[in-house]
Amino acid sequence: MRIKRVSTALLILAALTFFHVLGARAAENAPPAGCLESGFKYEGGEVMLNPSSGKQSLFILHSVSGETFQVTHPVGGGTASAGWTSEIDAGRWSAFAADSKAFKLSCMKPADGGVKTLPCDNVLKVCELPNPEMPADLSGSFWVSENKNREGVIAEIKSRGISWGE
């Protein structure tokens, strides 16, 4: 009888631990509060930021891929530019500021001595933090925070003096 009680208690403890971990993972995968599915669109395997205006915007990017890949802004003949390329690990987050109309980002993975293009809509989820306010020296298009957990990205955005709201 005593063994049965201990086994039942251990089973309950294991279940509670499982659901706590599951809840924590779900929270880590949820977009930050107030982040909107607007200001971008997926097109031709890329994600286009600010498709209809060149206003200063702030986007959160979340890797939903099971592997590390690169997010880059194609320049010239569709090639990647090293200054725009940022690596993002599975399940990690980044933030990008854009002030150009139709600013495109591509998703790529080094493969077999070359680069394999990935469809961004399958590996990268995007949302927009509304009405960003940035210090004057931070305007433009640039990586605000790269390859961190969600809380780390939000903390870095705030540490750079950037705020947002509705």
N, C-alpha and C. Protein backbone atom coordinates (compact mmCIF):
# COMPACT_ATOMS: atom_id res chain seq x y z
N MET A 1 0.81 -1.18 0.00
CA MET A 1 0.00 0.00 0.00
C MET A 1 0.87 1.27 0.00
N ARG A 2 1.91 1.27 0.79
CA ARG A 2 2.81 2.41 0.89
C ARG A 2 3.53 2.65 -0.44
N ILE A 3 3.93 1.59 -1.12
CA ILE A 3 4.61 1.71 -2.41
C ILE A 3 3.64 2.32 -3.43
N LYS A 4 2.39 1.92 -3.38
CA LYS A 4 1.39 2.43 -4.30
C LYS A 4 1.20 3.94 -4.11
N ARG A 5 1.18 4.42 -2.87
CA ARG A 5 1.05 5.84 -2.58
C ARG A 5 2.26 6.62 -3.09
N VAL A 6 3.45 6.08 -2.88
CA VAL A 6 4.67 6.73 -3.35
C VAL A 6 4.67 6.78 -4.88
N SER A 7 4.28 5.68 -5.52
CA SER A 7 4.22 5.64 -6.98
C SER A 7 3.22 6.65 -7.52
N THR A 8 2.07 6.75 -6.89
CA THR A 8 1.05 7.71 -7.31
C THR A 8 1.57 9.13 -7.13
N ALA A 9 2.23 9.41 -6.02
CA ALA A 9 2.79 10.74 -5.77
C ALA A 9 3.85 11.08 -6.81
N LEU A 10 4.70 10.12 -7.15
CA LEU A 10 5.73 10.36 -8.17
C LEU A 10 5.11 10.59 -9.55
N LEU A 11 4.06 9.86 -9.85
CA LEU A 11 3.37 10.04 -11.11
C LEU A 11 2.76 11.43 -11.20
N ILE A 12 2.14 11.88 -10.14
CA ILE A 12 1.55 13.22 -10.11
C ILE A 12 2.64 14.29 -10.24
N LEU A 13 3.74 14.11 -9.55
CA LEU A 13 4.86 15.05 -9.62
C LEU A 13 5.41 15.10 -11.05
N ALA A 14 5.57 13.95 -11.67
CA ALA A 14 6.07 13.91 -13.05
C ALA A 14 5.11 14.62 -14.00
N ALA A 15 3.81 14.41 -13.83
CA ALA A 15 2.81 15.06 -14.68
C ALA A 15 2.85 16.58 -14.50
N LEU A 16 2.93 17.04 -13.26
CA LEU A 16 3.00 18.48 -13.01
C LEU A 16 4.24 19.10 -13.62
N THR A 17 5.36 18.42 -13.49
CA THR A 17 6.62 18.90 -14.08
C THR A 17 6.49 18.97 -15.60
N PHE A 18 5.93 17.94 -16.21
CA PHE A 18 5.75 17.90 -17.66
C PHE A 18 4.92 19.09 -18.12
N PHE A 19 3.78 19.34 -17.47
CA PHE A 19 2.91 20.43 -17.90
C PHE A 19 3.51 21.79 -17.62
N HIS A 20 4.32 21.91 -16.58
CA HIS A 20 5.03 23.17 -16.31
C HIS A 20 6.03 23.45 -17.42
N VAL A 21 6.82 22.46 -17.80
CA VAL A 21 7.81 22.62 -18.87
C VAL A 21 7.10 22.91 -20.19
N LEU A 22 6.01 22.19 -20.46
CA LEU A 22 5.25 22.41 -21.68
C LEU A 22 4.72 23.84 -21.73
N GLY A 23 4.20 24.33 -20.63
CA GLY A 23 3.70 25.70 -20.56
C GLY A 23 4.80 26.72 -20.77
N ALA A 24 5.97 26.47 -20.20
CA ALA A 24 7.11 27.38 -20.37
C ALA A 24 7.55 27.42 -21.83
N ARG A 25 7.57 26.26 -22.48
CA ARG A 25 7.94 26.23 -23.91
C ARG A 25 6.91 26.96 -24.75
N ALA A 26 5.63 26.77 -24.46
CA ALA A 26 4.58 27.46 -25.20
C ALA A 26 4.72 28.97 -25.05
N ALA A 27 5.03 29.43 -23.85
CA ALA A 27 5.21 30.85 -23.61
C ALA A 27 6.42 31.37 -24.39
N GLU A 28 7.50 30.62 -24.46
CA GLU A 28 8.70 31.03 -25.20
C GLU A 28 8.42 31.10 -26.69
N ASN A 29 7.47 30.31 -27.18
CA ASN A 29 7.15 30.29 -28.61
C ASN A 29 6.09 31.31 -29.00
N ALA A 30 5.43 31.91 -28.03
CA ALA A 30 4.40 32.91 -28.31
C ALA A 30 5.05 34.25 -28.63
N PRO A 31 4.47 35.01 -29.55
CA PRO A 31 5.05 36.33 -29.83
C PRO A 31 4.91 37.24 -28.61
N PRO A 32 5.77 38.24 -28.49
CA PRO A 32 5.67 39.18 -27.37
C PRO A 32 4.30 39.87 -27.36
N ALA A 33 3.86 40.25 -26.20
CA ALA A 33 2.58 40.95 -26.06
C ALA A 33 2.56 42.18 -26.96
N GLY A 34 1.47 42.36 -27.68
CA GLY A 34 1.30 43.53 -28.53
C GLY A 34 1.91 43.40 -29.91
N CYS A 35 2.62 42.31 -30.19
CA CYS A 35 3.25 42.13 -31.50
C CYS A 35 2.17 41.70 -32.50
N LEU A 36 2.06 42.41 -33.61
CA LEU A 36 0.96 42.24 -34.55
C LEU A 36 1.38 41.53 -35.83
N GLU A 37 0.47 40.79 -36.41
CA GLU A 37 0.73 40.16 -37.71
C GLU A 37 0.37 41.16 -38.80
N SER A 38 1.17 42.20 -38.90
CA SER A 38 0.93 43.25 -39.90
C SER A 38 2.26 43.86 -40.30
N GLY A 39 2.23 44.64 -41.38
CA GLY A 39 3.43 45.35 -41.81
C GLY A 39 4.42 44.50 -42.60
N PHE A 40 4.03 43.30 -42.99
CA PHE A 40 4.90 42.42 -43.76
C PHE A 40 4.05 41.45 -44.56
N LYS A 41 4.69 40.77 -45.51
CA LYS A 41 4.02 39.69 -46.22
C LYS A 41 5.07 38.72 -46.74
N TYR A 42 4.66 37.47 -46.86
CA TYR A 42 5.51 36.45 -47.45
C TYR A 42 5.23 36.44 -48.94
N GLU A 43 6.32 36.41 -49.72
CA GLU A 43 6.15 36.45 -51.17
C GLU A 43 7.35 35.80 -51.85
N GLY A 44 7.09 34.82 -52.66
CA GLY A 44 8.16 34.17 -53.43
C GLY A 44 9.24 33.54 -52.56
N GLY A 45 8.87 33.03 -51.40
CA GLY A 45 9.83 32.41 -50.50
C GLY A 45 10.56 33.38 -49.59
N GLU A 46 10.35 34.68 -49.80
CA GLU A 46 10.98 35.70 -48.97
C GLU A 46 9.93 36.33 -48.06
N VAL A 47 10.39 37.12 -47.12
CA VAL A 47 9.47 37.93 -46.33
C VAL A 47 9.77 39.39 -46.68
N MET A 48 8.71 40.13 -47.00
CA MET A 48 8.85 41.53 -47.37
C MET A 48 8.34 42.38 -46.21
N LEU A 49 9.23 43.19 -45.66
CA LEU A 49 8.87 44.12 -44.59
C LEU A 49 8.42 45.43 -45.21
N ASN A 50 7.45 46.08 -44.61
CA ASN A 50 6.92 47.35 -45.11
C ASN A 50 6.52 47.27 -46.59
N PRO A 51 5.62 46.35 -46.95
CA PRO A 51 5.29 46.22 -48.37
C PRO A 51 4.62 47.44 -48.98
N SER A 52 3.96 48.29 -48.17
CA SER A 52 3.22 49.41 -48.75
C SER A 52 3.70 50.79 -48.29
N SER A 53 4.68 50.85 -47.39
CA SER A 53 5.19 52.17 -46.97
C SER A 53 6.62 52.04 -46.48
N GLY A 54 7.30 53.17 -46.40
CA GLY A 54 8.67 53.18 -45.92
C GLY A 54 8.79 53.74 -44.51
N LYS A 55 7.76 53.58 -43.71
CA LYS A 55 7.79 54.13 -42.34
C LYS A 55 8.76 53.31 -41.47
N GLN A 56 9.29 53.94 -40.45
CA GLN A 56 10.16 53.23 -39.51
C GLN A 56 9.34 52.18 -38.78
N SER A 57 9.78 50.94 -38.87
CA SER A 57 9.05 49.82 -38.28
C SER A 57 10.02 48.93 -37.51
N LEU A 58 9.44 48.13 -36.61
CA LEU A 58 10.23 47.22 -35.79
C LEU A 58 9.58 45.84 -35.83
N PHE A 59 10.34 44.85 -36.28
CA PHE A 59 9.83 43.51 -36.46
C PHE A 59 10.54 42.52 -35.56
N ILE A 60 9.79 41.54 -35.10
CA ILE A 60 10.32 40.43 -34.33
C ILE A 60 10.28 39.20 -35.23
N LEU A 61 11.39 38.49 -35.30
CA LEU A 61 11.50 37.29 -36.13
C LEU A 61 11.76 36.09 -35.23
N HIS A 62 11.04 35.01 -35.47
CA HIS A 62 11.16 33.81 -34.65
C HIS A 62 11.43 32.61 -35.55
N SER A 63 12.53 31.91 -35.29
CA SER A 63 12.84 30.70 -36.05
C SER A 63 11.94 29.57 -35.58
N VAL A 64 11.14 29.04 -36.50
CA VAL A 64 10.32 27.87 -36.20
C VAL A 64 10.89 26.64 -36.89
N SER A 65 12.11 26.77 -37.36
CA SER A 65 12.82 25.66 -38.00
C SER A 65 13.50 24.82 -36.93
N GLY A 66 13.76 23.60 -37.26
CA GLY A 66 14.49 22.72 -36.34
C GLY A 66 15.99 22.83 -36.50
N GLU A 67 16.45 23.77 -37.31
CA GLU A 67 17.89 23.90 -37.55
C GLU A 67 18.30 25.37 -37.71
N THR A 68 19.58 25.61 -37.59
CA THR A 68 20.14 26.95 -37.77
C THR A 68 20.10 27.33 -39.25
N PHE A 69 19.76 28.59 -39.52
CA PHE A 69 19.82 29.11 -40.88
C PHE A 69 20.17 30.59 -40.83
N GLN A 70 20.30 31.21 -41.99
CA GLN A 70 20.65 32.61 -42.06
C GLN A 70 19.51 33.42 -42.65
N VAL A 71 19.34 34.61 -42.12
CA VAL A 71 18.39 35.57 -42.66
C VAL A 71 19.22 36.68 -43.27
N THR A 72 18.93 37.03 -44.52
CA THR A 72 19.75 38.02 -45.19
C THR A 72 18.91 38.90 -46.10
N HIS A 73 19.43 40.05 -46.43
CA HIS A 73 18.79 40.96 -47.37
C HIS A 73 19.51 40.80 -48.71
N PRO A 74 18.82 40.27 -49.73
CA PRO A 74 19.48 40.11 -51.02
C PRO A 74 19.77 41.46 -51.66
N VAL A 75 20.94 41.58 -52.22
CA VAL A 75 21.33 42.81 -52.92
C VAL A 75 21.78 42.44 -54.32
N GLY A 76 21.73 43.40 -55.21
CA GLY A 76 22.18 43.14 -56.58
C GLY A 76 21.38 42.05 -57.25
N GLY A 77 22.06 41.07 -57.77
CA GLY A 77 21.45 39.98 -58.53
C GLY A 77 20.94 38.86 -57.67
N GLY A 78 20.34 39.16 -56.53
CA GLY A 78 19.76 38.13 -55.68
C GLY A 78 20.77 37.48 -54.75
N THR A 79 21.98 38.03 -54.70
CA THR A 79 22.99 37.46 -53.81
C THR A 79 22.86 38.06 -52.43
N ALA A 80 23.44 37.40 -51.45
CA ALA A 80 23.38 37.89 -50.08
C ALA A 80 24.51 38.86 -49.83
N SER A 81 24.29 39.79 -48.96
CA SER A 81 25.31 40.74 -48.54
C SER A 81 25.70 40.43 -47.11
N ALA A 82 27.00 40.28 -46.88
CA ALA A 82 27.49 39.89 -45.56
C ALA A 82 27.03 40.84 -44.46
N GLY A 83 26.92 42.13 -44.76
CA GLY A 83 26.50 43.09 -43.76
C GLY A 83 25.07 42.92 -43.29
N TRP A 84 24.25 42.29 -44.11
CA TRP A 84 22.84 42.09 -43.77
C TRP A 84 22.57 40.71 -43.20
N THR A 85 23.50 39.80 -43.33
CA THR A 85 23.26 38.40 -42.95
C THR A 85 23.36 38.20 -41.44
N SER A 86 22.37 37.47 -40.91
CA SER A 86 22.35 37.15 -39.49
C SER A 86 21.93 35.69 -39.33
N GLU A 87 22.64 34.98 -38.49
CA GLU A 87 22.32 33.58 -38.24
C GLU A 87 21.29 33.49 -37.11
N ILE A 88 20.37 32.55 -37.25
CA ILE A 88 19.36 32.34 -36.21
C ILE A 88 19.22 30.84 -35.96
N ASP A 89 19.36 30.47 -34.71
CA ASP A 89 19.27 29.06 -34.32
C ASP A 89 17.81 28.64 -34.15
N ALA A 90 17.60 27.34 -34.13
CA ALA A 90 16.26 26.78 -33.95
C ALA A 90 15.61 27.34 -32.68
N GLY A 91 14.39 27.84 -32.82
CA GLY A 91 13.64 28.34 -31.68
C GLY A 91 14.06 29.70 -31.16
N ARG A 92 15.05 30.34 -31.78
CA ARG A 92 15.55 31.63 -31.29
C ARG A 92 14.82 32.79 -31.95
N TRP A 93 15.08 33.98 -31.43
CA TRP A 93 14.41 35.20 -31.85
C TRP A 93 15.43 36.26 -32.26
N SER A 94 15.01 37.16 -33.14
CA SER A 94 15.80 38.33 -33.52
C SER A 94 14.85 39.50 -33.71
N ALA A 95 15.39 40.71 -33.78
CA ALA A 95 14.59 41.90 -34.04
C ALA A 95 15.26 42.69 -35.15
N PHE A 96 14.45 43.24 -36.04
CA PHE A 96 14.97 44.00 -37.17
C PHE A 96 14.16 45.28 -37.34
N ALA A 97 14.86 46.40 -37.50
CA ALA A 97 14.23 47.68 -37.78
C ALA A 97 14.33 47.94 -39.28
N ALA A 98 13.26 48.45 -39.87
CA ALA A 98 13.27 48.75 -41.30
C ALA A 98 12.58 50.08 -41.55
N ASP A 99 13.18 50.89 -42.41
CA ASP A 99 12.54 52.15 -42.80
C ASP A 99 12.44 52.28 -44.31
N SER A 100 12.63 51.19 -45.03
CA SER A 100 12.54 51.19 -46.49
C SER A 100 11.28 50.46 -46.92
N LYS A 101 10.67 50.92 -47.99
CA LYS A 101 9.51 50.24 -48.53
C LYS A 101 9.95 48.94 -49.20
N ALA A 102 9.19 47.88 -49.00
CA ALA A 102 9.41 46.58 -49.65
C ALA A 102 10.81 46.03 -49.37
N PHE A 103 11.22 46.06 -48.12
CA PHE A 103 12.53 45.56 -47.71
C PHE A 103 12.44 44.03 -47.60
N LYS A 104 13.16 43.32 -48.45
CA LYS A 104 13.06 41.87 -48.51
C LYS A 104 14.13 41.18 -47.70
N LEU A 105 13.72 40.09 -47.04
CA LEU A 105 14.65 39.22 -46.33
C LEU A 105 14.49 37.81 -46.89
N SER A 106 15.62 37.14 -47.09
CA SER A 106 15.63 35.76 -47.56
C SER A 106 16.14 34.85 -46.46
N CYS A 107 15.77 33.58 -46.53
CA CYS A 107 16.21 32.59 -45.56
C CYS A 107 17.09 31.58 -46.30
N MET A 108 18.29 31.35 -45.79
CA MET A 108 19.26 30.50 -46.47
C MET A 108 20.00 29.61 -45.49
N LYS A 109 20.52 28.53 -46.03
CA LYS A 109 21.31 27.60 -45.22
C LYS A 109 22.49 27.14 -46.05
N PRO A 110 23.72 27.27 -45.51
CA PRO A 110 24.87 26.73 -46.23
C PRO A 110 24.70 25.22 -46.43
N ALA A 111 24.96 24.76 -47.67
CA ALA A 111 24.79 23.34 -47.97
C ALA A 111 25.69 22.94 -49.13
N ASP A 112 26.41 21.86 -48.96
CA ASP A 112 27.24 21.29 -50.03
C ASP A 112 28.11 22.32 -50.75
N GLY A 113 28.81 23.15 -50.00
CA GLY A 113 29.71 24.13 -50.58
C GLY A 113 29.00 25.32 -51.19
N GLY A 114 27.69 25.37 -51.10
CA GLY A 114 26.91 26.48 -51.64
C GLY A 114 25.90 26.95 -50.61
N VAL A 115 24.81 27.48 -51.11
CA VAL A 115 23.76 27.99 -50.25
C VAL A 115 22.42 27.46 -50.75
N LYS A 116 21.64 26.94 -49.83
CA LYS A 116 20.30 26.46 -50.16
C LYS A 116 19.29 27.49 -49.67
N THR A 117 18.41 27.93 -50.56
CA THR A 117 17.36 28.88 -50.18
C THR A 117 16.22 28.13 -49.51
N LEU A 118 15.79 28.65 -48.38
CA LEU A 118 14.67 28.07 -47.64
C LEU A 118 13.45 28.98 -47.80
N PRO A 119 12.25 28.41 -47.86
CA PRO A 119 11.06 29.27 -47.91
C PRO A 119 10.83 29.91 -46.54
N CYS A 120 10.97 31.22 -46.47
CA CYS A 120 10.86 31.92 -45.18
C CYS A 120 9.52 31.65 -44.48
N ASP A 121 8.45 31.48 -45.24
CA ASP A 121 7.15 31.26 -44.60
C ASP A 121 7.09 29.93 -43.87
N ASN A 122 8.02 29.01 -44.14
CA ASN A 122 8.07 27.73 -43.44
C ASN A 122 9.00 27.74 -42.22
N VAL A 123 9.97 28.66 -42.19
CA VAL A 123 11.00 28.61 -41.14
C VAL A 123 11.05 29.85 -40.26
N LEU A 124 10.35 30.92 -40.65
CA LEU A 124 10.46 32.19 -39.93
C LEU A 124 9.09 32.81 -39.74
N LYS A 125 8.70 33.04 -38.49
CA LYS A 125 7.47 33.75 -38.18
C LYS A 125 7.82 35.19 -37.82
N VAL A 126 7.01 36.10 -38.29
CA VAL A 126 7.29 37.53 -38.15
C VAL A 126 6.08 38.22 -37.52
N CYS A 127 6.35 39.21 -36.69
CA CYS A 127 5.29 40.11 -36.22
C CYS A 127 5.90 41.50 -36.06
N GLU A 128 5.04 42.50 -36.00
CA GLU A 128 5.48 43.90 -35.93
C GLU A 128 5.11 44.51 -34.58
N LEU A 129 6.09 45.13 -33.94
CA LEU A 129 5.81 45.91 -32.73
C LEU A 129 5.35 47.29 -33.19
N PRO A 130 4.12 47.69 -32.83
CA PRO A 130 3.53 48.91 -33.38
C PRO A 130 4.17 50.19 -32.86
N ASN A 131 4.18 51.19 -33.74
CA ASN A 131 4.59 52.55 -33.40
C ASN A 131 5.90 52.64 -32.63
N PRO A 132 6.98 52.11 -33.20
CA PRO A 132 8.25 52.18 -32.47
C PRO A 132 8.77 53.62 -32.37
N GLU A 133 9.35 53.91 -31.25
CA GLU A 133 10.03 55.20 -31.04
C GLU A 133 11.49 54.89 -30.79
N MET A 134 12.35 55.44 -31.65
CA MET A 134 13.78 55.13 -31.58
C MET A 134 14.59 56.40 -31.38
N PRO A 135 15.69 56.26 -30.67
CA PRO A 135 16.61 57.41 -30.59
C PRO A 135 17.05 57.82 -32.00
N ALA A 136 17.34 59.08 -32.19
CA ALA A 136 17.68 59.61 -33.52
C ALA A 136 18.85 58.87 -34.17
N ASP A 137 19.79 58.41 -33.37
CA ASP A 137 20.96 57.73 -33.94
C ASP A 137 20.68 56.28 -34.33
N LEU A 138 19.44 55.81 -34.16
CA LEU A 138 19.11 54.43 -34.50
C LEU A 138 18.10 54.31 -35.63
N SER A 139 17.85 55.36 -36.37
CA SER A 139 16.88 55.25 -37.45
C SER A 139 17.51 54.49 -38.62
N GLY A 140 16.66 53.92 -39.45
CA GLY A 140 17.13 53.19 -40.62
C GLY A 140 16.76 51.72 -40.57
N SER A 141 17.44 50.93 -41.38
CA SER A 141 17.22 49.49 -41.44
C SER A 141 18.46 48.79 -40.88
N PHE A 142 18.26 47.99 -39.83
CA PHE A 142 19.40 47.35 -39.17
C PHE A 142 18.91 46.25 -38.23
N TRP A 143 19.83 45.35 -37.87
CA TRP A 143 19.54 44.33 -36.87
C TRP A 143 19.57 44.99 -35.50
N VAL A 144 18.48 44.92 -34.77
CA VAL A 144 18.39 45.49 -33.43
C VAL A 144 18.90 44.49 -32.41
N SER A 145 18.56 43.22 -32.60
CA SER A 145 18.97 42.15 -31.69
C SER A 145 18.99 40.85 -32.49
N GLU A 146 19.97 39.99 -32.18
CA GLU A 146 20.12 38.79 -32.99
C GLU A 146 20.26 37.52 -32.15
N ASN A 147 19.51 36.50 -32.55
CA ASN A 147 19.70 35.12 -32.11
C ASN A 147 19.72 34.95 -30.59
N LYS A 148 18.63 35.38 -29.96
CA LYS A 148 18.51 35.26 -28.51
C LYS A 148 17.18 34.59 -28.16
N ASN A 149 16.98 34.31 -26.88
CA ASN A 149 15.64 33.88 -26.48
C ASN A 149 14.74 35.12 -26.54
N ARG A 150 13.44 34.90 -26.46
CA ARG A 150 12.49 36.01 -26.63
C ARG A 150 12.73 37.13 -25.62
N GLU A 151 12.91 36.77 -24.37
CA GLU A 151 13.12 37.80 -23.34
C GLU A 151 14.42 38.56 -23.58
N GLY A 152 15.45 37.88 -24.07
CA GLY A 152 16.72 38.54 -24.38
C GLY A 152 16.59 39.57 -25.48
N VAL A 153 15.79 39.26 -26.50
CA VAL A 153 15.56 40.20 -27.60
C VAL A 153 14.82 41.43 -27.09
N ILE A 154 13.76 41.21 -26.33
CA ILE A 154 12.99 42.35 -25.79
C ILE A 154 13.87 43.21 -24.89
N ALA A 155 14.68 42.58 -24.05
CA ALA A 155 15.58 43.34 -23.16
C ALA A 155 16.58 44.16 -23.97
N GLU A 156 17.13 43.59 -25.05
CA GLU A 156 18.11 44.34 -25.85
C GLU A 156 17.44 45.50 -26.58
N ILE A 157 16.22 45.29 -27.08
CA ILE A 157 15.49 46.39 -27.74
C ILE A 157 15.36 47.56 -26.76
N LYS A 158 14.90 47.26 -25.55
CA LYS A 158 14.70 48.31 -24.54
C LYS A 158 16.02 48.95 -24.14
N SER A 159 17.09 48.14 -24.03
CA SER A 159 18.39 48.69 -23.62
C SER A 159 18.96 49.66 -24.66
N ARG A 160 18.49 49.57 -25.89
CA ARG A 160 18.94 50.47 -26.95
C ARG A 160 18.08 51.73 -27.02
N GLY A 161 17.16 51.88 -26.06
CA GLY A 161 16.35 53.08 -25.98
C GLY A 161 15.14 53.06 -26.91
N ILE A 162 14.76 51.90 -27.39
CA ILE A 162 13.62 51.77 -28.29
C ILE A 162 12.38 51.39 -27.48
N SER A 163 11.29 52.06 -27.77
CA SER A 163 10.01 51.73 -27.12
C SER A 163 8.96 51.57 -28.23
N TRP A 164 7.82 51.04 -27.86
CA TRP A 164 6.73 50.85 -28.82
C TRP A 164 5.42 50.85 -28.05
N GLY A 165 4.36 50.98 -28.78
CA GLY A 165 3.04 50.95 -28.16
C GLY A 165 1.98 51.09 -29.22
N GLU A 166 0.76 50.97 -28.78
CA GLU A 166 -0.35 51.03 -29.73
C GLU A 166 -0.92 52.38 -29.83
